Amino acid sequence: MISRKNPESLNKMASSTSEIRRSSPGTRTTTKRALLIGVTYKRKYTLKGTINDVKSMRELLINNFGFEEKNIKVLTDLQMETTRKKIVESMEWLVKDCQAGDSLVFYFSGHGIRKLDFEGDERDGFDENICPVDFLTEGMISDNEINSLIVWPLKKDVTLHAIVDACHSGTVLDLEHVYNREQRIWDDNSPPSGKARKHTDGGLAISISACQDHEIAVDTSAFTKTMNGALTYLLIYFLKKHRGLTYGDLLDLIHEELSKFNEGGCLPAKFLRKIFKNQLLQTPQISSSKPFDVYKKHFLL
């Protein structure tokens, strides 16, 4: 069940990085640290499920993956914390001083937009972007910026999982390998020019995105009584239901459930199919800084 605590109680941060990182002077302890962002926006851009998404993700990390409350930073509109400036600062916090053994999670629920790429480092000719609450005045956060903020700093044996529930989010971390589920191979997503840096500093970055770059993602109440991002709801549902899933198993289960939704007769499915001319609404995908066997590697945070 989703926690009904006030948003103020979602952040129980340690007072300093040193408190998070060390149990006693000179003793290094591995860290599990997470940044969870849910942007609601206003007026015509409003999303109704993002705060539910953040609460559900926080509960999953604490109850199923052993994250401590003090090491989870939550940003929502209710405290006006989802500005561009605050999100960038928090992304820097997430990876600061990361060391071997650390497990980091970046989660974003909100709007995503794609724009033409003028730097020549995107294979599809578009940059993918996430939208802070003030994106109309302060600008979006591009895949290039996200890559430099939370992918570049990852040192050897540090693992980052990014879960991005937004439209056009397929390659929003600009990772160099994208898993092709139909052919069961990793497609090359490295910069065509070969000049732009997109790799880690030896660590591993894995991204699970709500849809491919050209697709939209659904904010829906079709699966439950509350509004949630479809990817977030299904990912959490299956991780709780089936322990020890591989990445491939998890992706297959999410795809199968979305296919049932799109083929079903419920009102939301009929309505959305009519708007989008019967096309599959979203195709969640995995990308990574390094290829791996998705049916052998187990999903762990």
C-alpha atoms as a PDB file:
ATOM      1  CA  MET A   1       0.000   0.000   0.000  1.00  0.00           C
ATOM      2  CA  ILE A   2       1.258   3.477  -0.851  1.00  0.00           C
ATOM      3  CA  SER A   3       2.331   5.495   2.160  1.00  0.00           C
ATOM      4  CA  ARG A   4       0.079   8.427   3.017  1.00  0.00           C
ATOM      5  CA  LYS A   5       2.708  10.390   4.908  1.00  0.00           C
ATOM      6  CA  ASN A   6       3.052  14.080   4.235  1.00  0.00           C
ATOM      7  CA  PRO A   7       5.781  14.940   1.710  1.00  0.00           C
ATOM      8  CA  GLU A   8       7.873  16.534   4.478  1.00  0.00           C
ATOM      9  CA  SER A   9       8.393  13.095   6.028  1.00  0.00           C
ATOM     10  CA  LEU A  10       9.716  11.581   2.811  1.00  0.00           C
ATOM     11  CA  ASN A  11      13.133  13.186   3.291  1.00  0.00           C
ATOM     12  CA  LYS A  12      15.088  11.988   6.300  1.00  0.00           C
ATOM     13  CA  MET A  13      18.518  12.987   5.139  1.00  0.00           C
ATOM     14  CA  ALA A  14      21.776  12.652   7.022  1.00  0.00           C
ATOM     15  CA  SER A  15      23.189  16.054   7.861  1.00  0.00           C
ATOM     16  CA  SER A  16      26.328  15.603   5.759  1.00  0.00           C
ATOM     17  CA  THR A  17      27.877  13.388   3.105  1.00  0.00           C
ATOM     18  CA  SER A  18      30.392  12.072   5.645  1.00  0.00           C
ATOM     19  CA  GLU A  19      27.563  10.742   7.818  1.00  0.00           C
ATOM     20  CA  ILE A  20      26.134   8.899   4.849  1.00  0.00           C
ATOM     21  CA  ARG A  21      29.417   7.444   3.746  1.00  0.00           C
ATOM     22  CA  ARG A  22      31.236   6.345   6.910  1.00  0.00           C
ATOM     23  CA  SER A  23      30.222   4.453  10.013  1.00  0.00           C
ATOM     24  CA  SER A  24      33.341   5.590  11.899  1.00  0.00           C
ATOM     25  CA  PRO A  25      36.440   7.671  11.079  1.00  0.00           C
ATOM     26  CA  GLY A  26      38.567   5.890   8.494  1.00  0.00           C
ATOM     27  CA  THR A  27      36.073   3.065   7.920  1.00  0.00           C
ATOM     28  CA  ARG A  28      34.548   2.949   4.447  1.00  0.00           C
ATOM     29  CA  THR A  29      31.048   1.502   4.119  1.00  0.00           C
ATOM     30  CA  THR A  30      29.293   0.944   0.828  1.00  0.00           C
ATOM     31  CA  THR A  31      26.354   3.224   0.145  1.00  0.00           C
ATOM     32  CA  LYS A  32      22.898   2.808  -1.305  1.00  0.00           C
ATOM     33  CA  ARG A  33      21.716   6.251  -2.308  1.00  0.00           C
ATOM     34  CA  ALA A  34      18.663   7.351  -4.308  1.00  0.00           C
ATOM     35  CA  LEU A  35      17.237  10.494  -5.852  1.00  0.00           C
ATOM     36  CA  LEU A  36      13.482  10.322  -6.526  1.00  0.00           C
ATOM     37  CA  ILE A  37      11.823  13.117  -8.515  1.00  0.00           C
ATOM     38  CA  GLY A  38       8.094  13.555  -9.159  1.00  0.00           C
ATOM     39  CA  VAL A  39       6.995  16.637 -11.101  1.00  0.00           C
ATOM     40  CA  THR A  40       3.291  17.532 -11.161  1.00  0.00           C
ATOM     41  CA  TYR A  41       3.407  20.833 -13.133  1.00  0.00           C
ATOM     42  CA  LYS A  42       0.424  23.181 -13.489  1.00  0.00           C
ATOM     43  CA  ARG A  43      -2.577  23.835 -15.680  1.00  0.00           C
ATOM     44  CA  LYS A  44      -2.430  22.120 -19.097  1.00  0.00           C
ATOM     45  CA  TYR A  45       0.795  20.285 -18.280  1.00  0.00           C
ATOM     46  CA  THR A  46      -0.507  18.682 -15.069  1.00  0.00           C
ATOM     47  CA  LEU A  47       0.322  15.052 -14.279  1.00  0.00           C
ATOM     48  CA  LYS A  48      -1.702  13.399 -11.526  1.00  0.00           C
ATOM     49  CA  GLY A  49       0.338  10.288 -10.765  1.00  0.00           C
ATOM     50  CA  THR A  50       3.888  11.492 -10.210  1.00  0.00           C
ATOM     51  CA  ILE A  51       3.757  11.894  -6.422  1.00  0.00           C
ATOM     52  CA  ASN A  52       2.142   8.453  -6.114  1.00  0.00           C
ATOM     53  CA  ASP A  53       5.001   7.144  -8.249  1.00  0.00           C
ATOM     54  CA  VAL A  54       7.647   8.641  -5.977  1.00  0.00           C
ATOM     55  CA  LYS A  55       5.984   7.319  -2.825  1.00  0.00           C
ATOM     56  CA  SER A  56       5.729   3.841  -4.314  1.00  0.00           C
ATOM     57  CA  MET A  57       9.338   3.856  -5.470  1.00  0.00           C
ATOM     58  CA  ARG A  58      10.570   5.048  -2.076  1.00  0.00           C
ATOM     59  CA  GLU A  59       8.638   2.272  -0.346  1.00  0.00           C
ATOM     60  CA  LEU A  60      10.100  -0.314  -2.746  1.00  0.00           C
ATOM     61  CA  LEU A  61      13.677   0.818  -2.130  1.00  0.00           C
ATOM     62  CA  ILE A  62      13.281   0.739   1.658  1.00  0.00           C
ATOM     63  CA  ASN A  63      11.237  -2.439   2.054  1.00  0.00           C
ATOM     64  CA  ASN A  64      12.587  -4.580  -0.783  1.00  0.00           C
ATOM     65  CA  PHE A  65      16.129  -3.382  -1.465  1.00  0.00           C
ATOM     66  CA  GLY A  66      17.427  -2.249   1.919  1.00  0.00           C
ATOM     67  CA  PHE A  67      17.834   1.474   1.280  1.00  0.00           C
ATOM     68  CA  GLU A  68      17.945   3.655   4.393  1.00  0.00           C
ATOM     69  CA  GLU A  69      15.491   6.541   4.605  1.00  0.00           C
ATOM     70  CA  LYS A  70      18.300   9.030   5.297  1.00  0.00           C
ATOM     71  CA  ASN A  71      19.966   8.126   1.971  1.00  0.00           C
ATOM     72  CA  ILE A  72      16.892   8.804  -0.168  1.00  0.00           C
ATOM     73  CA  LYS A  73      16.320  12.338  -1.407  1.00  0.00           C
ATOM     74  CA  VAL A  74      12.793  13.102  -2.651  1.00  0.00           C
ATOM     75  CA  LEU A  75      11.938  16.115  -4.809  1.00  0.00           C
ATOM     76  CA  THR A  76       8.285  17.017  -5.462  1.00  0.00           C
ATOM     77  CA  ASP A  77       6.349  20.124  -6.483  1.00  0.00           C
ATOM     78  CA  LEU A  78       4.637  20.295  -3.107  1.00  0.00           C
ATOM     79  CA  GLN A  79       7.745  21.942  -1.654  1.00  0.00           C
ATOM     80  CA  MET A  80       8.713  23.579  -4.970  1.00  0.00           C
ATOM     81  CA  GLU A  81      11.799  21.357  -5.077  1.00  0.00           C
ATOM     82  CA  THR A  82      11.596  20.268  -8.704  1.00  0.00           C
ATOM     83  CA  THR A  83      13.173  23.344 -10.252  1.00  0.00           C
ATOM     84  CA  ARG A  84      15.947  22.884 -12.772  1.00  0.00           C
ATOM     85  CA  LYS A  85      18.522  24.233 -10.338  1.00  0.00           C
ATOM     86  CA  LYS A  86      17.436  21.922  -7.518  1.00  0.00           C
ATOM     87  CA  ILE A  87      17.326  18.830  -9.723  1.00  0.00           C
ATOM     88  CA  VAL A  88      20.817  19.461 -11.108  1.00  0.00           C
ATOM     89  CA  GLU A  89      22.207  20.041  -7.611  1.00  0.00           C
ATOM     90  CA  SER A  90      20.574  16.833  -6.404  1.00  0.00           C
ATOM     91  CA  MET A  91      21.987  14.850  -9.327  1.00  0.00           C
ATOM     92  CA  GLU A  92      25.433  16.065  -8.319  1.00  0.00           C
ATOM     93  CA  TRP A  93      24.697  14.947  -4.743  1.00  0.00           C
ATOM     94  CA  LEU A  94      23.679  11.491  -5.954  1.00  0.00           C
ATOM     95  CA  VAL A  95      27.059  10.644  -7.477  1.00  0.00           C
ATOM     96  CA  LYS A  96      29.357  12.728  -5.292  1.00  0.00           C
ATOM     97  CA  ASP A  97      32.290  10.742  -3.854  1.00  0.00           C
ATOM     98  CA  CYS A  98      30.879   7.454  -5.160  1.00  0.00           C
ATOM     99  CA  GLN A  99      33.183   4.517  -4.570  1.00  0.00           C
ATOM    100  CA  ALA A 100      33.410   0.801  -5.389  1.00  0.00           C
ATOM    101  CA  GLY A 101      30.408  -1.141  -4.136  1.00  0.00           C
ATOM    102  CA  ASP A 102      27.991   1.787  -4.115  1.00  0.00           C
ATOM    103  CA  SER A 103      24.509   1.346  -5.575  1.00  0.00           C
ATOM    104  CA  LEU A 104      22.813   4.519  -6.818  1.00  0.00           C
ATOM    105  CA  VAL A 105      19.269   5.051  -8.091  1.00  0.00           C
ATOM    106  CA  PHE A 106      17.988   7.962 -10.167  1.00  0.00           C
ATOM    107  CA  TYR A 107      14.212   8.032 -10.589  1.00  0.00           C
ATOM    108  CA  PHE A 108      12.197  10.589 -12.556  1.00  0.00           C
ATOM    109  CA  SER A 109       8.446  10.772 -13.099  1.00  0.00           C
ATOM    110  CA  GLY A 110       7.345  13.709 -15.200  1.00  0.00           C
ATOM    111  CA  HIS A 111       7.275  15.089 -18.733  1.00  0.00           C
ATOM    112  CA  GLY A 112       9.863  14.298 -21.367  1.00  0.00           C
ATOM    113  CA  ILE A 113      10.386  16.108 -24.659  1.00  0.00           C
ATOM    114  CA  ARG A 114      12.610  15.462 -27.667  1.00  0.00           C
ATOM    115  CA  LYS A 115      14.251  18.252 -29.635  1.00  0.00           C
ATOM    116  CA  LEU A 116      16.434  18.393 -32.727  1.00  0.00           C
ATOM    117  CA  ASP A 117      20.092  17.610 -32.062  1.00  0.00           C
ATOM    118  CA  PHE A 118      22.411  20.326 -33.365  1.00  0.00           C
ATOM    119  CA  GLU A 119      25.636  18.788 -32.040  1.00  0.00           C
ATOM    120  CA  GLY A 120      25.668  15.685 -34.217  1.00  0.00           C
ATOM    121  CA  ASP A 121      26.007  13.202 -31.350  1.00  0.00           C
ATOM    122  CA  GLU A 122      22.579  11.516 -31.629  1.00  0.00           C
ATOM    123  CA  ARG A 123      21.973   8.610 -34.011  1.00  0.00           C
ATOM    124  CA  ASP A 124      18.293   9.510 -34.442  1.00  0.00           C
ATOM    125  CA  GLY A 125      18.949  13.232 -34.798  1.00  0.00           C
ATOM    126  CA  PHE A 126      17.113  14.158 -31.583  1.00  0.00           C
ATOM    127  CA  ASP A 127      18.073  15.027 -28.012  1.00  0.00           C
ATOM    128  CA  GLU A 128      15.850  13.593 -25.284  1.00  0.00           C
ATOM    129  CA  ASN A 129      15.055  15.878 -22.345  1.00  0.00           C
ATOM    130  CA  ILE A 130      13.340  15.766 -18.959  1.00  0.00           C
ATOM    131  CA  CYS A 131      11.261  18.741 -17.854  1.00  0.00           C
ATOM    132  CA  PRO A 132      11.673  20.414 -14.447  1.00  0.00           C
ATOM    133  CA  VAL A 133       8.686  22.319 -13.096  1.00  0.00           C
ATOM    134  CA  ASP A 134      10.184  25.589 -14.406  1.00  0.00           C
ATOM    135  CA  PHE A 135      11.207  24.255 -17.833  1.00  0.00           C
ATOM    136  CA  LEU A 136       9.306  27.018 -19.664  1.00  0.00           C
ATOM    137  CA  THR A 137      11.532  29.695 -18.131  1.00  0.00           C
ATOM    138  CA  GLU A 138      14.723  27.882 -17.057  1.00  0.00           C
ATOM    139  CA  GLY A 139      14.905  25.215 -19.742  1.00  0.00           C
ATOM    140  CA  MET A 140      14.897  21.437 -19.846  1.00  0.00           C
ATOM    141  CA  ILE A 141      17.644  19.036 -18.778  1.00  0.00           C
ATOM    142  CA  SER A 142      19.010  17.300 -21.867  1.00  0.00           C
ATOM    143  CA  ASP A 143      20.340  13.780 -22.256  1.00  0.00           C
ATOM    144  CA  ASN A 144      23.797  15.264 -22.797  1.00  0.00           C
ATOM    145  CA  GLU A 145      23.623  17.027 -19.446  1.00  0.00           C
ATOM    146  CA  ILE A 146      22.182  14.015 -17.635  1.00  0.00           C
ATOM    147  CA  ASN A 147      24.999  11.877 -19.042  1.00  0.00           C
ATOM    148  CA  SER A 148      27.701  14.263 -17.872  1.00  0.00           C
ATOM    149  CA  LEU A 149      26.086  14.706 -14.433  1.00  0.00           C
ATOM    150  CA  ILE A 150      25.389  11.118 -13.364  1.00  0.00           C
ATOM    151  CA  VAL A 151      27.098   8.804 -15.882  1.00  0.00           C
ATOM    152  CA  TRP A 152      30.591  10.282 -16.278  1.00  0.00           C
ATOM    153  CA  PRO A 153      31.418  10.240 -12.520  1.00  0.00           C
ATOM    154  CA  LEU A 154      30.654   6.514 -12.009  1.00  0.00           C
ATOM    155  CA  LYS A 155      33.883   4.877 -10.847  1.00  0.00           C
ATOM    156  CA  LYS A 156      34.812   1.204 -11.160  1.00  0.00           C
ATOM    157  CA  ASP A 157      32.368  -1.135  -9.367  1.00  0.00           C
ATOM    158  CA  VAL A 158      29.798   1.641  -8.820  1.00  0.00           C
ATOM    159  CA  THR A 159      26.352   0.838 -10.241  1.00  0.00           C
ATOM    160  CA  LEU A 160      23.711   3.392 -11.198  1.00  0.00           C
ATOM    161  CA  HIS A 161      20.149   2.411 -12.064  1.00  0.00           C
ATOM    162  CA  ALA A 162      18.035   5.087 -13.723  1.00  0.00           C
ATOM    163  CA  ILE A 163      14.282   4.543 -13.966  1.00  0.00           C
ATOM    164  CA  VAL A 164      12.681   7.241 -16.109  1.00  0.00           C
ATOM    165  CA  ASP A 165       8.893   7.296 -16.436  1.00  0.00           C
ATOM    166  CA  ALA A 166       8.467  10.000 -19.054  1.00  0.00           C
ATOM    167  CA  CYS A 167       7.647  10.411 -22.723  1.00  0.00           C
ATOM    168  CA  HIS A 168      10.543  10.129 -25.196  1.00  0.00           C
ATOM    169  CA  SER A 169      12.782   8.642 -22.515  1.00  0.00           C
ATOM    170  CA  GLY A 170      14.336   5.688 -24.346  1.00  0.00           C
ATOM    171  CA  THR A 171      17.902   7.012 -24.496  1.00  0.00           C
ATOM    172  CA  VAL A 172      17.549   9.896 -22.050  1.00  0.00           C
ATOM    173  CA  LEU A 173      20.822   8.914 -20.330  1.00  0.00           C
ATOM    174  CA  ASP A 174      22.649   8.683 -23.682  1.00  0.00           C
ATOM    175  CA  LEU A 175      24.056   5.272 -22.785  1.00  0.00           C
ATOM    176  CA  GLU A 176      26.004   3.581 -25.565  1.00  0.00           C
ATOM    177  CA  HIS A 177      24.089   0.297 -25.732  1.00  0.00           C
ATOM    178  CA  VAL A 178      20.314  -0.180 -26.165  1.00  0.00           C
ATOM    179  CA  TYR A 179      18.770  -3.622 -25.762  1.00  0.00           C
ATOM    180  CA  ASN A 180      16.780  -4.789 -28.779  1.00  0.00           C
ATOM    181  CA  ARG A 181      14.164  -7.077 -27.238  1.00  0.00           C
ATOM    182  CA  GLU A 182      12.872  -8.465 -30.540  1.00  0.00           C
ATOM    183  CA  GLN A 183      16.298  -9.541 -31.819  1.00  0.00           C
ATOM    184  CA  ARG A 184      17.790 -10.093 -28.341  1.00  0.00           C
ATOM    185  CA  ILE A 185      20.911  -8.118 -29.152  1.00  0.00           C
ATOM    186  CA  TRP A 186      22.415  -4.825 -27.979  1.00  0.00           C
ATOM    187  CA  ASP A 187      22.160  -2.035 -30.548  1.00  0.00           C
ATOM    188  CA  ASP A 188      24.930   0.522 -30.829  1.00  0.00           C
ATOM    189  CA  ASN A 189      23.907   3.941 -29.481  1.00  0.00           C
ATOM    190  CA  SER A 190      27.376   5.501 -29.359  1.00  0.00           C
ATOM    191  CA  PRO A 191      27.777   9.010 -30.802  1.00  0.00           C
ATOM    192  CA  PRO A 192      28.085   8.814 -34.624  1.00  0.00           C
ATOM    193  CA  SER A 193      30.970  11.262 -34.663  1.00  0.00           C
ATOM    194  CA  GLY A 194      32.910   9.342 -32.019  1.00  0.00           C
ATOM    195  CA  LYS A 195      33.968  12.632 -30.433  1.00  0.00           C
ATOM    196  CA  ALA A 196      31.388  13.095 -27.670  1.00  0.00           C
ATOM    197  CA  ARG A 197      32.037  11.349 -24.359  1.00  0.00           C
ATOM    198  CA  LYS A 198      29.144   9.163 -23.234  1.00  0.00           C
ATOM    199  CA  HIS A 199      30.852   6.534 -21.037  1.00  0.00           C
ATOM    200  CA  THR A 200      31.374   6.120 -17.306  1.00  0.00           C
ATOM    201  CA  ASP A 201      34.634   6.334 -15.362  1.00  0.00           C
ATOM    202  CA  GLY A 202      34.665   2.530 -15.076  1.00  0.00           C
ATOM    203  CA  GLY A 203      31.278   2.000 -13.394  1.00  0.00           C
ATOM    204  CA  LEU A 204      28.032   0.570 -14.731  1.00  0.00           C
ATOM    205  CA  ALA A 205      24.955   2.592 -15.670  1.00  0.00           C
ATOM    206  CA  ILE A 206      21.669   0.863 -16.518  1.00  0.00           C
ATOM    207  CA  SER A 207      18.547   2.736 -17.545  1.00  0.00           C
ATOM    208  CA  ILE A 208      14.977   1.442 -17.670  1.00  0.00           C
ATOM    209  CA  SER A 209      12.839   3.821 -19.695  1.00  0.00           C
ATOM    210  CA  ALA A 210       9.072   4.009 -20.042  1.00  0.00           C
ATOM    211  CA  CYS A 211       9.154   4.051 -23.831  1.00  0.00           C
ATOM    212  CA  GLN A 212      11.277   4.428 -26.911  1.00  0.00           C
ATOM    213  CA  ASP A 213      12.487   7.869 -27.935  1.00  0.00           C
ATOM    214  CA  HIS A 214       9.666   8.464 -30.428  1.00  0.00           C
ATOM    215  CA  GLU A 215       6.870   7.262 -28.102  1.00  0.00           C
ATOM    216  CA  ILE A 216       4.705   8.682 -25.337  1.00  0.00           C
ATOM    217  CA  ALA A 217       4.315   7.252 -21.830  1.00  0.00           C
ATOM    218  CA  VAL A 218       1.011   6.763 -20.033  1.00  0.00           C
ATOM    219  CA  ASP A 219      -0.096   8.285 -16.703  1.00  0.00           C
ATOM    220  CA  THR A 220      -3.112   6.120 -15.908  1.00  0.00           C
ATOM    221  CA  SER A 221      -5.468   4.663 -13.318  1.00  0.00           C
ATOM    222  CA  ALA A 222      -6.139   1.576 -15.456  1.00  0.00           C
ATOM    223  CA  PHE A 223      -4.095  -0.744 -13.226  1.00  0.00           C
ATOM    224  CA  THR A 224      -5.175   0.586  -9.829  1.00  0.00           C
ATOM    225  CA  LYS A 225      -7.540   3.090  -8.206  1.00  0.00           C
ATOM    226  CA  THR A 226      -4.836   5.753  -8.028  1.00  0.00           C
ATOM    227  CA  MET A 227      -3.035   7.494 -10.875  1.00  0.00           C
ATOM    228  CA  ASN A 228       0.432   6.138 -11.634  1.00  0.00           C
ATOM    229  CA  GLY A 229       2.921   6.013 -14.447  1.00  0.00           C
ATOM    230  CA  ALA A 230       2.352   2.710 -16.252  1.00  0.00           C
ATOM    231  CA  LEU A 231       6.039   1.763 -16.175  1.00  0.00           C
ATOM    232  CA  THR A 232       6.418   2.601 -12.481  1.00  0.00           C
ATOM    233  CA  TYR A 233       3.346   0.679 -11.420  1.00  0.00           C
ATOM    234  CA  LEU A 234       4.212  -2.451 -13.411  1.00  0.00           C
ATOM    235  CA  LEU A 235       7.905  -2.446 -12.510  1.00  0.00           C
ATOM    236  CA  ILE A 236       7.137  -2.225  -8.783  1.00  0.00           C
ATOM    237  CA  TYR A 237       4.307  -4.752  -9.042  1.00  0.00           C
ATOM    238  CA  PHE A 238       6.471  -7.404 -10.668  1.00  0.00           C
ATOM    239  CA  LEU A 239       9.517  -6.788  -8.475  1.00  0.00           C
ATOM    240  CA  LYS A 240       7.340  -7.335  -5.404  1.00  0.00           C
ATOM    241  CA  LYS A 241       5.550 -10.348  -6.855  1.00  0.00           C
ATOM    242  CA  HIS A 242       8.578 -12.216  -8.233  1.00  0.00           C
ATOM    243  CA  ARG A 243      11.859 -12.233  -6.351  1.00  0.00           C
ATOM    244  CA  GLY A 244      15.076 -12.811  -8.274  1.00  0.00           C
ATOM    245  CA  LEU A 245      13.874 -11.608 -11.675  1.00  0.00           C
ATOM    246  CA  THR A 246      16.451 -11.095 -14.389  1.00  0.00           C
ATOM    247  CA  TYR A 247      16.385  -7.865 -16.387  1.00  0.00           C
ATOM    248  CA  GLY A 248      15.048  -9.780 -19.367  1.00  0.00           C
ATOM    249  CA  ASP A 249      12.288 -11.439 -17.355  1.00  0.00           C
ATOM    250  CA  LEU A 250      11.241  -8.098 -15.886  1.00  0.00           C
ATOM    251  CA  LEU A 251      11.162  -6.410 -19.287  1.00  0.00           C
ATOM    252  CA  ASP A 252       9.151  -9.276 -20.788  1.00  0.00           C
ATOM    253  CA  LEU A 253       6.576  -9.185 -17.979  1.00  0.00           C
ATOM    254  CA  ILE A 254       6.106  -5.414 -18.356  1.00  0.00           C
ATOM    255  CA  HIS A 255       5.728  -5.735 -22.134  1.00  0.00           C
ATOM    256  CA  GLU A 256       3.203  -8.536 -21.790  1.00  0.00           C
ATOM    257  CA  GLU A 257       1.069  -6.567 -19.337  1.00  0.00           C
ATOM    258  CA  LEU A 258       1.144  -3.432 -21.489  1.00  0.00           C
ATOM    259  CA  SER A 259       0.110  -5.495 -24.499  1.00  0.00           C
ATOM    260  CA  LYS A 260      -2.874  -6.852 -22.553  1.00  0.00           C
ATOM    261  CA  PHE A 261      -3.799  -3.291 -21.599  1.00  0.00           C
ATOM    262  CA  ASN A 262      -3.643  -2.044 -25.188  1.00  0.00           C
ATOM    263  CA  GLU A 263      -5.577  -5.022 -26.539  1.00  0.00           C
ATOM    264  CA  GLY A 264      -8.153  -4.971 -23.742  1.00  0.00           C
ATOM    265  CA  GLY A 265     -11.618  -3.552 -23.705  1.00  0.00           C
ATOM    266  CA  CYS A 266     -11.340  -1.169 -20.754  1.00  0.00           C
ATOM    267  CA  LEU A 267     -12.355   2.431 -21.348  1.00  0.00           C
ATOM    268  CA  PRO A 268      -8.857   3.976 -20.921  1.00  0.00           C
ATOM    269  CA  ALA A 269      -7.402   1.546 -23.475  1.00  0.00           C
ATOM    270  CA  LYS A 270     -10.203   2.228 -25.982  1.00  0.00           C
ATOM    271  CA  PHE A 271      -9.863   5.977 -25.526  1.00  0.00           C
ATOM    272  CA  LEU A 272      -6.086   5.989 -25.890  1.00  0.00           C
ATOM    273  CA  ARG A 273      -6.137   3.649 -28.884  1.00  0.00           C
ATOM    274  CA  LYS A 274      -8.573   5.997 -30.611  1.00  0.00           C
ATOM    275  CA  ILE A 275      -6.322   9.019 -30.018  1.00  0.00           C
ATOM    276  CA  PHE A 276      -3.138   7.266 -31.133  1.00  0.00           C
ATOM    277  CA  LYS A 277      -4.666   5.306 -34.041  1.00  0.00           C
ATOM    278  CA  ASN A 278      -4.354   1.853 -32.504  1.00  0.00           C
ATOM    279  CA  GLN A 279      -0.564   1.992 -32.180  1.00  0.00           C
ATOM    280  CA  LEU A 280       1.170   0.412 -29.189  1.00  0.00           C
ATOM    281  CA  LEU A 281       1.449   3.352 -26.828  1.00  0.00           C
ATOM    282  CA  GLN A 282       4.769   2.632 -25.189  1.00  0.00           C
ATOM    283  CA  THR A 283       7.604   0.167 -25.480  1.00  0.00           C
ATOM    284  CA  PRO A 284       9.740   0.178 -22.311  1.00  0.00           C
ATOM    285  CA  GLN A 285      13.404  -0.464 -22.978  1.00  0.00           C
ATOM    286  CA  ILE A 286      16.726  -1.034 -21.268  1.00  0.00           C
ATOM    287  CA  SER A 287      19.958   0.750 -22.117  1.00  0.00           C
ATOM    288  CA  SER A 288      23.362   0.308 -20.535  1.00  0.00           C
ATOM    289  CA  SER A 289      26.911   1.614 -20.500  1.00  0.00           C
ATOM    290  CA  LYS A 290      28.059  -1.995 -21.022  1.00  0.00           C
ATOM    291  CA  PRO A 291      26.245  -4.897 -22.700  1.00  0.00           C
ATOM    292  CA  PHE A 292      25.289  -7.885 -20.536  1.00  0.00           C
ATOM    293  CA  ASP A 293      23.149 -11.029 -20.743  1.00  0.00           C
ATOM    294  CA  VAL A 294      19.744  -9.730 -19.679  1.00  0.00           C
ATOM    295  CA  TYR A 295      18.435 -13.258 -19.030  1.00  0.00           C
ATOM    296  CA  LYS A 296      21.300 -14.182 -16.711  1.00  0.00           C
ATOM    297  CA  LYS A 297      21.876 -10.949 -14.796  1.00  0.00           C
ATOM    298  CA  HIS A 298      19.427 -10.524 -11.916  1.00  0.00           C
ATOM    299  CA  PHE A 299      17.811  -7.182 -11.189  1.00  0.00           C
ATOM    300  CA  LEU A 300      19.357  -5.798  -8.008  1.00  0.00           C
ATOM    301  CA  LEU A 301      19.418  -2.292  -6.560  1.00  0.00           C
END
